[in-house]
Amino acid sequence: IGLEFTPASPAQGLWLTNTGDKTLHAQARVYQWTQVGDKDALAPTRSMLASPPMLSLDPGGRQLVRVIRTGGLAVANAGEEAFRVLIDELPQADQRQSSSVEYVLRYSVPVFVESAASSTATAASGTLHAMFDHGAGGLSLAVRNDASKHAQLSNVSLLTADGRTIVLSDGLLGYVLPGMTMRWPLKLQADAVGTGMQLKARINGEPIEQAIPVGDLPR
């Protein structure tokens, strides 16, 4: 689930449905999304808002949440801006008074706003670069995106020099924003990665897996 704005789009909508048997109370907020230090980072923003910010859904009810642009792109004509809509369930009054453990959920929805430059661009294997890092915390995979559009990576696997396939993620691994680098820890022994390996992934939901070059990341 995600929202994509063209340069001319003023608003998009998300439908929320309560499939439970109790009234659900929630809060919706929008944050600027960047990637700093190879990790996701969220910051308050005035460029986009969610309406209504507070909502109440009866059992079986539905609510439209509009995500509205309130200002221009901070990087106009340079690339794509990214945001996240966070929808937090709020504890019920009876949950706060109960001695049992009750869980409330957070939903995080990616939002992308194209600039004039990024509207015709694509993130493909030729703009992505990968590197395996043997750090103190173990083996990790770093991917840099040199395109002007985000890259969603899923079904990520390694093809070894002797033809074996090692699955790193059989679903969504994550996103790499334009001009940024992301890093994911791997549950592999350091000696599992050697020379002659190829990294393959589905990029932005494309049905065919593409190869991503493995080596030192561009600086």
C-alpha atoms as a PDB file:
ATOM      1  CA  ILE A   1       0.000   0.000   0.000  1.00  0.00           C
ATOM      2  CA  GLY A   2       1.315   3.429  -0.897  1.00  0.00           C
ATOM      3  CA  LEU A   3       0.428   6.779  -2.439  1.00  0.00           C
ATOM      4  CA  GLU A   4       2.095   8.462  -5.404  1.00  0.00           C
ATOM      5  CA  PHE A   5       1.541  12.115  -6.300  1.00  0.00           C
ATOM      6  CA  THR A   6       2.251  13.604  -9.704  1.00  0.00           C
ATOM      7  CA  PRO A   7       3.540  17.221  -9.761  1.00  0.00           C
ATOM      8  CA  ALA A   8      -0.063  18.417 -10.279  1.00  0.00           C
ATOM      9  CA  SER A   9      -1.771  16.183  -7.689  1.00  0.00           C
ATOM     10  CA  PRO A  10      -3.155  18.200  -4.726  1.00  0.00           C
ATOM     11  CA  ALA A  11      -4.445  15.263  -2.656  1.00  0.00           C
ATOM     12  CA  GLN A  12      -4.851  11.498  -2.434  1.00  0.00           C
ATOM     13  CA  GLY A  13      -7.032   9.314  -0.224  1.00  0.00           C
ATOM     14  CA  LEU A  14      -6.706   6.275   2.048  1.00  0.00           C
ATOM     15  CA  TRP A  15      -9.698   4.196   3.135  1.00  0.00           C
ATOM     16  CA  LEU A  16      -9.535   2.759   6.647  1.00  0.00           C
ATOM     17  CA  THR A  17     -11.871  -0.067   7.661  1.00  0.00           C
ATOM     18  CA  ASN A  18     -12.594  -1.386  11.158  1.00  0.00           C
ATOM     19  CA  THR A  19     -13.028  -5.166  10.928  1.00  0.00           C
ATOM     20  CA  GLY A  20     -13.110  -5.622  14.708  1.00  0.00           C
ATOM     21  CA  ASP A  21     -16.007  -5.748  17.134  1.00  0.00           C
ATOM     22  CA  LYS A  22     -15.083  -2.590  19.078  1.00  0.00           C
ATOM     23  CA  THR A  23     -14.995   1.078  18.150  1.00  0.00           C
ATOM     24  CA  LEU A  24     -11.518   2.032  16.969  1.00  0.00           C
ATOM     25  CA  HIS A  25      -9.916   5.402  17.698  1.00  0.00           C
ATOM     26  CA  ALA A  26      -6.844   6.456  15.732  1.00  0.00           C
ATOM     27  CA  GLN A  27      -4.553   9.361  14.937  1.00  0.00           C
ATOM     28  CA  ALA A  28      -3.133  10.107  11.455  1.00  0.00           C
ATOM     29  CA  ARG A  29       0.037  12.143  10.950  1.00  0.00           C
ATOM     30  CA  VAL A  30       2.403  12.795   8.034  1.00  0.00           C
ATOM     31  CA  TYR A  31       6.187  12.960   8.362  1.00  0.00           C
ATOM     32  CA  GLN A  32       8.985  13.833   5.942  1.00  0.00           C
ATOM     33  CA  TRP A  33      10.896  10.642   5.169  1.00  0.00           C
ATOM     34  CA  THR A  34      14.622  10.573   4.480  1.00  0.00           C
ATOM     35  CA  GLN A  35      17.404   8.056   5.053  1.00  0.00           C
ATOM     36  CA  VAL A  36      20.299   9.144   7.251  1.00  0.00           C
ATOM     37  CA  GLY A  37      23.211   6.971   8.310  1.00  0.00           C
ATOM     38  CA  ASP A  38      21.835   4.091   6.201  1.00  0.00           C
ATOM     39  CA  LYS A  39      18.582   4.126   8.226  1.00  0.00           C
ATOM     40  CA  ASP A  40      15.080   5.535   7.830  1.00  0.00           C
ATOM     41  CA  ALA A  41      14.524   8.935   9.465  1.00  0.00           C
ATOM     42  CA  LEU A  42      11.200  10.737   9.986  1.00  0.00           C
ATOM     43  CA  ALA A  43      10.791  14.459  10.718  1.00  0.00           C
ATOM     44  CA  PRO A  44       7.756  16.732  11.200  1.00  0.00           C
ATOM     45  CA  THR A  45       6.623  18.480   8.024  1.00  0.00           C
ATOM     46  CA  ARG A  46       4.305  21.296   6.977  1.00  0.00           C
ATOM     47  CA  SER A  47       4.355  20.265   3.318  1.00  0.00           C
ATOM     48  CA  MET A  48       1.673  17.608   3.730  1.00  0.00           C
ATOM     49  CA  LEU A  49      -1.104  16.794   6.203  1.00  0.00           C
ATOM     50  CA  ALA A  50      -3.710  14.126   6.888  1.00  0.00           C
ATOM     51  CA  SER A  51      -7.388  15.010   7.268  1.00  0.00           C
ATOM     52  CA  PRO A  52      -9.042  14.198   9.581  1.00  0.00           C
ATOM     53  CA  PRO A  53      -6.080  13.855  11.979  1.00  0.00           C
ATOM     54  CA  MET A  54      -8.234  12.131  14.612  1.00  0.00           C
ATOM     55  CA  LEU A  55     -10.825   9.510  13.734  1.00  0.00           C
ATOM     56  CA  SER A  56     -13.282   7.093  15.275  1.00  0.00           C
ATOM     57  CA  LEU A  57     -14.550   4.013  13.451  1.00  0.00           C
ATOM     58  CA  ASP A  58     -17.464   1.905  14.645  1.00  0.00           C
ATOM     59  CA  PRO A  59     -17.296  -1.866  14.022  1.00  0.00           C
ATOM     60  CA  GLY A  60     -17.614  -2.441  10.267  1.00  0.00           C
ATOM     61  CA  GLY A  61     -17.211   1.279   9.582  1.00  0.00           C
ATOM     62  CA  ARG A  62     -15.074   2.971   6.925  1.00  0.00           C
ATOM     63  CA  GLN A  63     -13.321   6.333   6.935  1.00  0.00           C
ATOM     64  CA  LEU A  64     -11.593   8.215   4.129  1.00  0.00           C
ATOM     65  CA  VAL A  65      -8.366   9.922   5.196  1.00  0.00           C
ATOM     66  CA  ARG A  66      -7.225  12.556   2.736  1.00  0.00           C
ATOM     67  CA  VAL A  67      -3.495  13.199   2.376  1.00  0.00           C
ATOM     68  CA  ILE A  68      -3.158  16.795   1.224  1.00  0.00           C
ATOM     69  CA  ARG A  69      -0.203  18.748  -0.117  1.00  0.00           C
ATOM     70  CA  THR A  70       0.080  22.166   1.501  1.00  0.00           C
ATOM     71  CA  GLY A  71       3.237  23.472  -0.163  1.00  0.00           C
ATOM     72  CA  GLY A  72       5.624  23.020  -3.068  1.00  0.00           C
ATOM     73  CA  LEU A  73       8.435  20.517  -3.332  1.00  0.00           C
ATOM     74  CA  ALA A  74      11.493  21.356  -1.284  1.00  0.00           C
ATOM     75  CA  VAL A  75      13.653  19.902  -4.066  1.00  0.00           C
ATOM     76  CA  ALA A  76      11.666  21.137  -7.056  1.00  0.00           C
ATOM     77  CA  ASN A  77      12.924  19.806 -10.391  1.00  0.00           C
ATOM     78  CA  ALA A  78      15.651  17.837  -8.607  1.00  0.00           C
ATOM     79  CA  GLY A  79      13.961  14.607  -7.613  1.00  0.00           C
ATOM     80  CA  GLU A  80      11.245  12.887  -5.717  1.00  0.00           C
ATOM     81  CA  GLU A  81      10.167  13.745  -2.168  1.00  0.00           C
ATOM     82  CA  ALA A  82       9.138  11.023   0.249  1.00  0.00           C
ATOM     83  CA  PHE A  83       6.778  11.049   3.220  1.00  0.00           C
ATOM     84  CA  ARG A  84       5.204   8.516   5.556  1.00  0.00           C
ATOM     85  CA  VAL A  85       1.631   8.557   6.831  1.00  0.00           C
ATOM     86  CA  LEU A  86       1.585   7.096  10.346  1.00  0.00           C
ATOM     87  CA  ILE A  87      -1.779   5.838  11.571  1.00  0.00           C
ATOM     88  CA  ASP A  88      -1.713   4.946  15.272  1.00  0.00           C
ATOM     89  CA  GLU A  89      -4.467   3.097  17.059  1.00  0.00           C
ATOM     90  CA  LEU A  90      -5.227   4.773  20.401  1.00  0.00           C
ATOM     91  CA  PRO A  91      -5.795   2.724  23.572  1.00  0.00           C
ATOM     92  CA  GLN A  92      -9.423   2.358  24.627  1.00  0.00           C
ATOM     93  CA  ALA A  93     -10.535   3.511  28.076  1.00  0.00           C
ATOM     94  CA  ASP A  94     -11.164  -0.089  29.186  1.00  0.00           C
ATOM     95  CA  GLN A  95      -7.691  -1.093  27.921  1.00  0.00           C
ATOM     96  CA  ARG A  96      -6.005   1.584  30.061  1.00  0.00           C
ATOM     97  CA  GLN A  97      -7.825   0.315  33.135  1.00  0.00           C
ATOM     98  CA  SER A  98      -7.181  -3.377  32.434  1.00  0.00           C
ATOM     99  CA  SER A  99      -4.302  -5.261  34.050  1.00  0.00           C
ATOM    100  CA  SER A 100      -3.869  -7.464  30.941  1.00  0.00           C
ATOM    101  CA  VAL A 101      -1.561  -6.551  28.055  1.00  0.00           C
ATOM    102  CA  GLU A 102      -3.370  -5.026  25.078  1.00  0.00           C
ATOM    103  CA  TYR A 103      -1.605  -4.173  21.830  1.00  0.00           C
ATOM    104  CA  VAL A 104      -2.307  -1.165  19.632  1.00  0.00           C
ATOM    105  CA  LEU A 105      -1.061  -1.087  16.048  1.00  0.00           C
ATOM    106  CA  ARG A 106       0.819   1.456  13.954  1.00  0.00           C
ATOM    107  CA  TYR A 107       0.462   1.531  10.185  1.00  0.00           C
ATOM    108  CA  SER A 108       3.153   3.259   8.141  1.00  0.00           C
ATOM    109  CA  VAL A 109       2.192   4.117   4.555  1.00  0.00           C
ATOM    110  CA  PRO A 110       4.819   5.402   2.084  1.00  0.00           C
ATOM    111  CA  VAL A 111       3.970   8.525   0.079  1.00  0.00           C
ATOM    112  CA  PHE A 112       5.983   9.731  -2.908  1.00  0.00           C
ATOM    113  CA  VAL A 113       5.688  13.122  -4.629  1.00  0.00           C
ATOM    114  CA  GLU A 114       7.195  13.366  -8.092  1.00  0.00           C
ATOM    115  CA  SER A 115       8.986  16.446  -9.340  1.00  0.00           C
ATOM    116  CA  ALA A 116       9.052  17.373 -13.009  1.00  0.00           C
ATOM    117  CA  ALA A 117      12.446  15.666 -13.282  1.00  0.00           C
ATOM    118  CA  SER A 118      11.447  12.410 -11.578  1.00  0.00           C
ATOM    119  CA  SER A 119       8.050  11.942 -13.245  1.00  0.00           C
ATOM    120  CA  THR A 120       9.615  10.228 -16.272  1.00  0.00           C
ATOM    121  CA  ALA A 121      12.482   8.548 -14.410  1.00  0.00           C
ATOM    122  CA  THR A 122      12.646   4.952 -13.240  1.00  0.00           C
ATOM    123  CA  ALA A 123      14.720   3.204 -10.625  1.00  0.00           C
ATOM    124  CA  ALA A 124      16.295   0.198 -12.297  1.00  0.00           C
ATOM    125  CA  SER A 125      19.157  -2.176 -11.693  1.00  0.00           C
ATOM    126  CA  GLY A 126      21.559   0.147 -13.557  1.00  0.00           C
ATOM    127  CA  THR A 127      21.068   2.882 -10.951  1.00  0.00           C
ATOM    128  CA  LEU A 128      21.396   0.603  -7.915  1.00  0.00           C
ATOM    129  CA  HIS A 129      24.666  -0.561  -6.369  1.00  0.00           C
ATOM    130  CA  ALA A 130      25.078  -3.125  -3.587  1.00  0.00           C
ATOM    131  CA  MET A 131      27.844  -4.002  -1.156  1.00  0.00           C
ATOM    132  CA  PHE A 132      28.210  -6.618   1.589  1.00  0.00           C
ATOM    133  CA  ASP A 133      29.743  -5.257   4.765  1.00  0.00           C
ATOM    134  CA  HIS A 134      31.469  -7.442   7.370  1.00  0.00           C
ATOM    135  CA  GLY A 135      31.059  -5.155  10.379  1.00  0.00           C
ATOM    136  CA  ALA A 136      31.211  -5.624  14.137  1.00  0.00           C
ATOM    137  CA  GLY A 137      27.457  -6.298  14.183  1.00  0.00           C
ATOM    138  CA  GLY A 138      27.741  -9.067  11.579  1.00  0.00           C
ATOM    139  CA  LEU A 139      27.071  -9.229   7.878  1.00  0.00           C
ATOM    140  CA  SER A 140      24.889  -6.554   6.298  1.00  0.00           C
ATOM    141  CA  LEU A 141      23.712  -5.561   2.831  1.00  0.00           C
ATOM    142  CA  ALA A 142      24.021  -1.919   1.753  1.00  0.00           C
ATOM    143  CA  VAL A 143      22.240  -0.641  -1.384  1.00  0.00           C
ATOM    144  CA  ARG A 144      22.678   2.817  -2.916  1.00  0.00           C
ATOM    145  CA  ASN A 145      20.138   4.361  -5.308  1.00  0.00           C
ATOM    146  CA  ASP A 146      21.526   6.864  -7.850  1.00  0.00           C
ATOM    147  CA  ALA A 147      18.211   7.338  -9.646  1.00  0.00           C
ATOM    148  CA  SER A 148      15.875  10.329  -9.086  1.00  0.00           C
ATOM    149  CA  LYS A 149      13.081   7.936  -8.052  1.00  0.00           C
ATOM    150  CA  HIS A 150      12.699   5.512  -5.139  1.00  0.00           C
ATOM    151  CA  ALA A 151      13.481   1.809  -5.414  1.00  0.00           C
ATOM    152  CA  GLN A 152      11.307  -0.770  -3.656  1.00  0.00           C
ATOM    153  CA  LEU A 153      13.241  -4.019  -3.248  1.00  0.00           C
ATOM    154  CA  SER A 154      11.508  -7.360  -2.790  1.00  0.00           C
ATOM    155  CA  ASN A 155      12.237 -11.053  -3.404  1.00  0.00           C
ATOM    156  CA  VAL A 156      15.953 -10.454  -2.915  1.00  0.00           C
ATOM    157  CA  SER A 157      18.326 -13.366  -3.418  1.00  0.00           C
ATOM    158  CA  LEU A 158      21.993 -14.188  -3.915  1.00  0.00           C
ATOM    159  CA  LEU A 159      23.231 -16.352  -6.758  1.00  0.00           C
ATOM    160  CA  THR A 160      26.538 -17.969  -5.807  1.00  0.00           C
ATOM    161  CA  ALA A 161      29.390 -18.671  -8.200  1.00  0.00           C
ATOM    162  CA  ASP A 162      28.541 -22.394  -8.125  1.00  0.00           C
ATOM    163  CA  GLY A 163      24.878 -21.787  -9.016  1.00  0.00           C
ATOM    164  CA  ARG A 164      23.233 -21.961  -5.574  1.00  0.00           C
ATOM    165  CA  THR A 165      20.503 -19.485  -4.624  1.00  0.00           C
ATOM    166  CA  ILE A 166      20.402 -17.942  -1.137  1.00  0.00           C
ATOM    167  CA  VAL A 167      17.128 -16.161  -0.365  1.00  0.00           C
ATOM    168  CA  LEU A 168      17.630 -12.938   1.604  1.00  0.00           C
ATOM    169  CA  SER A 169      13.995 -11.820   1.523  1.00  0.00           C
ATOM    170  CA  ASP A 170      11.019 -13.677   0.052  1.00  0.00           C
ATOM    171  CA  GLY A 171       8.853 -10.536   0.375  1.00  0.00           C
ATOM    172  CA  LEU A 172       9.496  -6.832   0.839  1.00  0.00           C
ATOM    173  CA  LEU A 173      13.043  -5.998   1.949  1.00  0.00           C
ATOM    174  CA  GLY A 174      12.561  -2.221   1.985  1.00  0.00           C
ATOM    175  CA  TYR A 175      12.983   1.030   0.087  1.00  0.00           C
ATOM    176  CA  VAL A 176      16.002   3.031  -1.023  1.00  0.00           C
ATOM    177  CA  LEU A 177      15.182   6.704  -1.604  1.00  0.00           C
ATOM    178  CA  PRO A 178      16.789   8.746  -4.418  1.00  0.00           C
ATOM    179  CA  GLY A 179      20.445   9.548  -3.804  1.00  0.00           C
ATOM    180  CA  MET A 180      20.417   7.590  -0.537  1.00  0.00           C
ATOM    181  CA  THR A 181      21.886   4.378   0.882  1.00  0.00           C
ATOM    182  CA  MET A 182      20.084   1.829   3.041  1.00  0.00           C
ATOM    183  CA  ARG A 183      21.548  -1.032   5.029  1.00  0.00           C
ATOM    184  CA  TRP A 184      19.916  -4.258   6.228  1.00  0.00           C
ATOM    185  CA  PRO A 185      21.442  -6.833   8.612  1.00  0.00           C
ATOM    186  CA  LEU A 186      21.618 -10.363   7.208  1.00  0.00           C
ATOM    187  CA  LYS A 187      21.159 -13.649   9.004  1.00  0.00           C
ATOM    188  CA  LEU A 188      24.125 -15.182   7.212  1.00  0.00           C
ATOM    189  CA  GLN A 189      27.588 -16.208   8.257  1.00  0.00           C
ATOM    190  CA  ALA A 190      30.279 -13.896   6.947  1.00  0.00           C
ATOM    191  CA  ASP A 191      31.857 -16.697   4.904  1.00  0.00           C
ATOM    192  CA  ALA A 192      28.557 -17.208   3.026  1.00  0.00           C
ATOM    193  CA  VAL A 193      29.412 -14.232   0.819  1.00  0.00           C
ATOM    194  CA  GLY A 194      32.266 -14.663  -1.613  1.00  0.00           C
ATOM    195  CA  THR A 195      33.510 -13.541  -4.983  1.00  0.00           C
ATOM    196  CA  GLY A 196      31.503 -14.070  -8.134  1.00  0.00           C
ATOM    197  CA  MET A 197      28.121 -13.647  -6.429  1.00  0.00           C
ATOM    198  CA  GLN A 198      25.153 -11.864  -8.018  1.00  0.00           C
ATOM    199  CA  LEU A 199      22.355 -10.033  -6.256  1.00  0.00           C
ATOM    200  CA  LYS A 200      18.868 -10.259  -7.764  1.00  0.00           C
ATOM    201  CA  ALA A 201      15.661  -8.489  -6.744  1.00  0.00           C
ATOM    202  CA  ARG A 202      12.274  -7.341  -7.926  1.00  0.00           C
ATOM    203  CA  ILE A 203      12.394  -3.551  -8.237  1.00  0.00           C
ATOM    204  CA  ASN A 204       9.231  -1.492  -7.752  1.00  0.00           C
ATOM    205  CA  GLY A 205       6.999  -4.508  -8.221  1.00  0.00           C
ATOM    206  CA  GLU A 206       8.296  -5.444 -11.665  1.00  0.00           C
ATOM    207  CA  PRO A 207       7.488  -9.119 -12.340  1.00  0.00           C
ATOM    208  CA  ILE A 208      11.003 -10.007 -13.520  1.00  0.00           C
ATOM    209  CA  GLU A 209      13.915 -10.070 -11.103  1.00  0.00           C
ATOM    210  CA  GLN A 210      16.818  -7.813 -12.055  1.00  0.00           C
ATOM    211  CA  ALA A 211      20.515  -8.077 -11.259  1.00  0.00           C
ATOM    212  CA  ILE A 212      22.089  -5.426  -9.016  1.00  0.00           C
ATOM    213  CA  PRO A 213      25.863  -4.908  -9.288  1.00  0.00           C
ATOM    214  CA  VAL A 214      27.823  -5.963  -6.183  1.00  0.00           C
ATOM    215  CA  GLY A 215      31.038  -4.172  -5.233  1.00  0.00           C
ATOM    216  CA  ASP A 216      32.168  -0.963  -3.560  1.00  0.00           C
ATOM    217  CA  LEU A 217      29.446   1.699  -3.389  1.00  0.00           C
ATOM    218  CA  PRO A 218      29.957   4.885  -5.478  1.00  0.00           C
ATOM    219  CA  ARG A 219      31.123   7.895  -3.488  1.00  0.00           C
END
